[in-house]
Amino acid sequence: MSEPTEPFPPQPSPVNNEPPPQPGKRRVPVWAWMFMGLSSLALVVAVIGISVMVGAGSVTPAAQTSKNETACKLFEDGVNQLTDALQLAFTEGPRVKDAIIAAHDMLPSRIKDAEDKAEGDVAVAIRQARELAPTPGIFSTDDTDLAFFMSKQTVADKCQADGVTIDIHKLAK
């Protein structure tokens, strides 16, 4: 028999219509590409799902903070310092005069700091309380001081409505 002088060209496989691999390159089957793609997609979905579940569970409505939390706490701290100093004066007498003077004189600036950080109804209530606050260096027992101490509760109510609970100390005689 005589042999052909030219070799037969490679015939494409009837099942696989992919081009033949180039010399030196490896071919990855289609099913492997599909498997890798689906695995990657499943991994991304799992990571997103876990982050959503963890994120949703970590912030409860009670843990959410108000925009006015800092302002309310500053107001609470300043007012309670003066109230506590006055209360101490009822029990200890004139020996705590310096503590009362210091708390009395710092009150307007502390309320001003709270007002600068407040927004909305809380800011309005703190501004009104600041306008009624005792003047540094001047002690009086007039209606203005009484109005100031009454305005403390208005600020506490506005803070409460905004989601911040503050504890305003009361004078007990």
C-alpha atoms as a PDB file:
ATOM      1  CA  MET A   1       0.000   0.000   0.000  1.00  0.00           C
ATOM      2  CA  SER A   2       1.081   3.409  -0.633  1.00  0.00           C
ATOM      3  CA  GLU A   3       1.247   5.955   2.074  1.00  0.00           C
ATOM      4  CA  PRO A   4      -0.040   9.479   1.619  1.00  0.00           C
ATOM      5  CA  THR A   5       2.635  12.054   1.254  1.00  0.00           C
ATOM      6  CA  GLU A   6       0.779  14.657   3.263  1.00  0.00           C
ATOM      7  CA  PRO A   7      -0.598  14.015   6.769  1.00  0.00           C
ATOM      8  CA  PHE A   8      -4.315  14.373   7.314  1.00  0.00           C
ATOM      9  CA  PRO A   9      -5.367  17.633   8.994  1.00  0.00           C
ATOM     10  CA  PRO A  10      -6.830  17.120  12.498  1.00  0.00           C
ATOM     11  CA  GLN A  11     -10.567  16.677  12.357  1.00  0.00           C
ATOM     12  CA  PRO A  12     -12.666  18.652  14.832  1.00  0.00           C
ATOM     13  CA  SER A  13     -14.504  16.479  17.322  1.00  0.00           C
ATOM     14  CA  PRO A  14     -18.230  16.278  16.588  1.00  0.00           C
ATOM     15  CA  VAL A  15     -19.027  16.621  20.342  1.00  0.00           C
ATOM     16  CA  ASN A  16     -16.654  19.494  21.154  1.00  0.00           C
ATOM     17  CA  ASN A  17     -16.812  22.527  18.865  1.00  0.00           C
ATOM     18  CA  GLU A  18     -13.976  24.365  20.630  1.00  0.00           C
ATOM     19  CA  PRO A  19     -10.916  25.280  18.647  1.00  0.00           C
ATOM     20  CA  PRO A  20      -7.966  22.979  19.183  1.00  0.00           C
ATOM     21  CA  PRO A  21      -5.525  24.117  21.888  1.00  0.00           C
ATOM     22  CA  GLN A  22      -2.548  26.092  20.835  1.00  0.00           C
ATOM     23  CA  PRO A  23       0.805  24.466  21.478  1.00  0.00           C
ATOM     24  CA  GLY A  24       2.109  25.198  25.018  1.00  0.00           C
ATOM     25  CA  LYS A  25      -1.282  26.308  26.456  1.00  0.00           C
ATOM     26  CA  ARG A  26      -3.538  24.310  28.746  1.00  0.00           C
ATOM     27  CA  ARG A  27      -7.222  24.112  28.152  1.00  0.00           C
ATOM     28  CA  VAL A  28      -9.682  24.460  31.055  1.00  0.00           C
ATOM     29  CA  PRO A  29     -12.985  22.688  30.488  1.00  0.00           C
ATOM     30  CA  VAL A  30     -16.157  24.783  30.370  1.00  0.00           C
ATOM     31  CA  TRP A  31     -17.652  22.938  33.326  1.00  0.00           C
ATOM     32  CA  ALA A  32     -14.667  24.011  35.445  1.00  0.00           C
ATOM     33  CA  TRP A  33     -15.232  27.671  34.525  1.00  0.00           C
ATOM     34  CA  MET A  34     -18.917  27.346  35.402  1.00  0.00           C
ATOM     35  CA  PHE A  35     -18.087  25.664  38.718  1.00  0.00           C
ATOM     36  CA  MET A  36     -15.580  28.396  39.650  1.00  0.00           C
ATOM     37  CA  GLY A  37     -18.037  31.147  38.710  1.00  0.00           C
ATOM     38  CA  LEU A  38     -20.889  29.643  40.729  1.00  0.00           C
ATOM     39  CA  SER A  39     -18.578  29.056  43.703  1.00  0.00           C
ATOM     40  CA  SER A  40     -17.432  32.676  43.615  1.00  0.00           C
ATOM     41  CA  LEU A  41     -21.013  33.901  43.386  1.00  0.00           C
ATOM     42  CA  ALA A  42     -22.056  31.713  46.324  1.00  0.00           C
ATOM     43  CA  LEU A  43     -19.120  33.025  48.377  1.00  0.00           C
ATOM     44  CA  VAL A  44     -20.031  36.657  47.665  1.00  0.00           C
ATOM     45  CA  VAL A  45     -23.695  36.056  48.551  1.00  0.00           C
ATOM     46  CA  ALA A  46     -22.680  34.310  51.790  1.00  0.00           C
ATOM     47  CA  VAL A  47     -20.356  37.162  52.823  1.00  0.00           C
ATOM     48  CA  ILE A  48     -23.026  39.776  52.112  1.00  0.00           C
ATOM     49  CA  GLY A  49     -25.654  37.754  53.968  1.00  0.00           C
ATOM     50  CA  ILE A  50     -23.467  37.325  57.025  1.00  0.00           C
ATOM     51  CA  SER A  51     -22.511  41.002  57.116  1.00  0.00           C
ATOM     52  CA  VAL A  52     -26.171  42.027  56.881  1.00  0.00           C
ATOM     53  CA  MET A  53     -27.170  39.657  59.672  1.00  0.00           C
ATOM     54  CA  VAL A  54     -24.340  40.773  61.932  1.00  0.00           C
ATOM     55  CA  GLY A  55     -24.947  44.455  61.158  1.00  0.00           C
ATOM     56  CA  ALA A  56     -28.679  44.184  61.754  1.00  0.00           C
ATOM     57  CA  GLY A  57     -28.208  42.466  65.086  1.00  0.00           C
ATOM     58  CA  SER A  58     -25.602  44.846  66.448  1.00  0.00           C
ATOM     59  CA  VAL A  59     -27.649  48.049  66.361  1.00  0.00           C
ATOM     60  CA  THR A  60     -30.856  47.912  68.310  1.00  0.00           C
ATOM     61  CA  PRO A  61     -33.294  50.815  68.362  1.00  0.00           C
ATOM     62  CA  ALA A  62     -32.363  51.490  71.987  1.00  0.00           C
ATOM     63  CA  ALA A  63     -28.679  51.639  71.058  1.00  0.00           C
ATOM     64  CA  GLN A  64     -29.156  54.248  68.363  1.00  0.00           C
ATOM     65  CA  THR A  65     -27.900  57.615  69.464  1.00  0.00           C
ATOM     66  CA  SER A  66     -29.619  60.929  69.144  1.00  0.00           C
ATOM     67  CA  LYS A  67     -28.030  63.911  67.447  1.00  0.00           C
ATOM     68  CA  ASN A  68     -28.609  65.761  70.708  1.00  0.00           C
ATOM     69  CA  GLU A  69     -27.096  63.189  73.072  1.00  0.00           C
ATOM     70  CA  THR A  70     -23.920  65.205  73.685  1.00  0.00           C
ATOM     71  CA  ALA A  71     -25.863  68.429  74.205  1.00  0.00           C
ATOM     72  CA  CYS A  72     -28.278  66.797  76.645  1.00  0.00           C
ATOM     73  CA  LYS A  73     -25.445  65.213  78.636  1.00  0.00           C
ATOM     74  CA  LEU A  74     -23.552  68.525  78.794  1.00  0.00           C
ATOM     75  CA  PHE A  75     -26.676  70.281  80.055  1.00  0.00           C
ATOM     76  CA  GLU A  76     -27.318  67.511  82.584  1.00  0.00           C
ATOM     77  CA  ASP A  77     -23.754  67.670  83.882  1.00  0.00           C
ATOM     78  CA  GLY A  78     -23.714  71.454  84.279  1.00  0.00           C
ATOM     79  CA  VAL A  79     -27.103  71.715  85.960  1.00  0.00           C
ATOM     80  CA  ASN A  80     -26.519  68.749  88.242  1.00  0.00           C
ATOM     81  CA  GLN A  81     -23.194  70.158  89.395  1.00  0.00           C
ATOM     82  CA  LEU A  82     -24.907  73.359  90.547  1.00  0.00           C
ATOM     83  CA  THR A  83     -27.863  71.485  92.035  1.00  0.00           C
ATOM     84  CA  ASP A  84     -25.561  69.135  93.947  1.00  0.00           C
ATOM     85  CA  ALA A  85     -23.516  72.072  95.262  1.00  0.00           C
ATOM     86  CA  LEU A  86     -26.686  73.827  96.440  1.00  0.00           C
ATOM     87  CA  GLN A  87     -27.954  70.610  98.027  1.00  0.00           C
ATOM     88  CA  LEU A  88     -24.640  70.211  99.812  1.00  0.00           C
ATOM     89  CA  ALA A  89     -25.007  73.771 101.098  1.00  0.00           C
ATOM     90  CA  PHE A  90     -28.334  72.821 102.723  1.00  0.00           C
ATOM     91  CA  THR A  91     -26.689  69.991 104.620  1.00  0.00           C
ATOM     92  CA  GLU A  92     -23.137  71.290 105.180  1.00  0.00           C
ATOM     93  CA  GLY A  93     -23.848  74.968 105.536  1.00  0.00           C
ATOM     94  CA  PRO A  94     -21.567  77.800 104.378  1.00  0.00           C
ATOM     95  CA  ARG A  95     -18.406  75.620 104.324  1.00  0.00           C
ATOM     96  CA  VAL A  96     -19.126  74.625 100.690  1.00  0.00           C
ATOM     97  CA  LYS A  97     -19.394  78.206  99.483  1.00  0.00           C
ATOM     98  CA  ASP A  98     -16.500  77.811  97.005  1.00  0.00           C
ATOM     99  CA  ALA A  99     -18.126  74.779  95.369  1.00  0.00           C
ATOM    100  CA  ILE A 100     -21.380  76.689  94.920  1.00  0.00           C
ATOM    101  CA  ILE A 101     -19.619  79.732  93.473  1.00  0.00           C
ATOM    102  CA  ALA A 102     -17.608  77.605  91.033  1.00  0.00           C
ATOM    103  CA  ALA A 103     -20.644  75.613  89.879  1.00  0.00           C
ATOM    104  CA  HIS A 104     -22.742  78.794  89.670  1.00  0.00           C
ATOM    105  CA  ASP A 105     -20.141  80.656  87.621  1.00  0.00           C
ATOM    106  CA  MET A 106     -19.478  77.748  85.226  1.00  0.00           C
ATOM    107  CA  LEU A 107     -23.149  77.054  84.539  1.00  0.00           C
ATOM    108  CA  PRO A 108     -23.749  79.616  81.743  1.00  0.00           C
ATOM    109  CA  SER A 109     -20.706  78.485  79.760  1.00  0.00           C
ATOM    110  CA  ARG A 110     -21.639  74.825  80.177  1.00  0.00           C
ATOM    111  CA  ILE A 111     -25.164  75.513  78.990  1.00  0.00           C
ATOM    112  CA  LYS A 112     -23.736  77.523  76.069  1.00  0.00           C
ATOM    113  CA  ASP A 113     -21.592  74.507  75.109  1.00  0.00           C
ATOM    114  CA  ALA A 114     -24.704  72.315  75.234  1.00  0.00           C
ATOM    115  CA  GLU A 115     -26.663  74.815  73.148  1.00  0.00           C
ATOM    116  CA  ASP A 116     -23.920  74.902  70.492  1.00  0.00           C
ATOM    117  CA  LYS A 117     -24.189  71.126  70.059  1.00  0.00           C
ATOM    118  CA  ALA A 118     -27.997  70.915  70.143  1.00  0.00           C
ATOM    119  CA  GLU A 119     -30.474  70.845  67.283  1.00  0.00           C
ATOM    120  CA  GLY A 120     -34.214  71.375  66.912  1.00  0.00           C
ATOM    121  CA  ASP A 121     -36.528  71.494  69.932  1.00  0.00           C
ATOM    122  CA  VAL A 122     -33.699  70.567  72.276  1.00  0.00           C
ATOM    123  CA  ALA A 123     -31.696  73.585  71.097  1.00  0.00           C
ATOM    124  CA  VAL A 124     -34.687  75.876  71.681  1.00  0.00           C
ATOM    125  CA  ALA A 125     -35.259  74.517  75.199  1.00  0.00           C
ATOM    126  CA  ILE A 126     -31.571  74.814  76.117  1.00  0.00           C
ATOM    127  CA  ARG A 127     -31.446  78.367  74.718  1.00  0.00           C
ATOM    128  CA  GLN A 128     -34.436  79.348  76.864  1.00  0.00           C
ATOM    129  CA  ALA A 129     -32.820  77.762  79.928  1.00  0.00           C
ATOM    130  CA  ARG A 130     -29.565  79.623  79.189  1.00  0.00           C
ATOM    131  CA  GLU A 131     -31.447  82.924  79.030  1.00  0.00           C
ATOM    132  CA  LEU A 132     -32.836  82.171  82.497  1.00  0.00           C
ATOM    133  CA  ALA A 133     -29.556  80.839  83.923  1.00  0.00           C
ATOM    134  CA  PRO A 134     -28.103  82.629  86.923  1.00  0.00           C
ATOM    135  CA  THR A 135     -25.564  85.314  86.066  1.00  0.00           C
ATOM    136  CA  PRO A 136     -22.001  84.496  87.142  1.00  0.00           C
ATOM    137  CA  GLY A 137     -20.994  86.308  90.324  1.00  0.00           C
ATOM    138  CA  ILE A 138     -24.545  87.390  91.117  1.00  0.00           C
ATOM    139  CA  PHE A 139     -26.706  85.323  93.446  1.00  0.00           C
ATOM    140  CA  SER A 140     -30.373  86.063  93.705  1.00  0.00           C
ATOM    141  CA  THR A 141     -33.504  84.325  94.854  1.00  0.00           C
ATOM    142  CA  ASP A 142     -35.823  86.066  92.478  1.00  0.00           C
ATOM    143  CA  ASP A 143     -38.279  84.545  90.055  1.00  0.00           C
ATOM    144  CA  THR A 144     -35.633  84.283  87.319  1.00  0.00           C
ATOM    145  CA  ASP A 145     -33.690  81.658  89.286  1.00  0.00           C
ATOM    146  CA  LEU A 146     -36.915  79.825  90.007  1.00  0.00           C
ATOM    147  CA  ALA A 147     -37.829  79.943  86.319  1.00  0.00           C
ATOM    148  CA  PHE A 148     -34.412  78.543  85.452  1.00  0.00           C
ATOM    149  CA  PHE A 149     -34.802  75.602  87.775  1.00  0.00           C
ATOM    150  CA  MET A 150     -38.247  74.963  86.322  1.00  0.00           C
ATOM    151  CA  SER A 151     -36.853  75.127  82.763  1.00  0.00           C
ATOM    152  CA  LYS A 152     -34.519  72.235  83.581  1.00  0.00           C
ATOM    153  CA  GLN A 153     -37.450  69.849  83.362  1.00  0.00           C
ATOM    154  CA  THR A 154     -38.475  71.268  79.980  1.00  0.00           C
ATOM    155  CA  VAL A 155     -35.003  70.500  78.625  1.00  0.00           C
ATOM    156  CA  ALA A 156     -35.160  67.000  80.132  1.00  0.00           C
ATOM    157  CA  ASP A 157     -38.538  66.424  78.458  1.00  0.00           C
ATOM    158  CA  LYS A 158     -37.245  67.610  75.057  1.00  0.00           C
ATOM    159  CA  CYS A 159     -34.190  65.370  75.400  1.00  0.00           C
ATOM    160  CA  GLN A 160     -36.456  62.454  76.328  1.00  0.00           C
ATOM    161  CA  ALA A 161     -38.601  63.102  73.247  1.00  0.00           C
ATOM    162  CA  ASP A 162     -35.406  63.066  71.176  1.00  0.00           C
ATOM    163  CA  GLY A 163     -34.377  59.690  72.601  1.00  0.00           C
ATOM    164  CA  VAL A 164     -31.927  60.793  75.312  1.00  0.00           C
ATOM    165  CA  THR A 165     -32.754  60.194  78.945  1.00  0.00           C
ATOM    166  CA  ILE A 166     -31.103  62.568  81.367  1.00  0.00           C
ATOM    167  CA  ASP A 167     -31.355  62.626  85.131  1.00  0.00           C
ATOM    168  CA  ILE A 168     -31.823  66.146  86.432  1.00  0.00           C
ATOM    169  CA  HIS A 169     -31.209  66.237  90.177  1.00  0.00           C
ATOM    170  CA  LYS A 170     -33.810  67.950  92.322  1.00  0.00           C
ATOM    171  CA  LEU A 171     -33.227  70.098  95.377  1.00  0.00           C
ATOM    172  CA  ALA A 172     -34.558  68.494  98.538  1.00  0.00           C
ATOM    173  CA  LYS A 173     -34.867  70.811 101.515  1.00  0.00           C
END
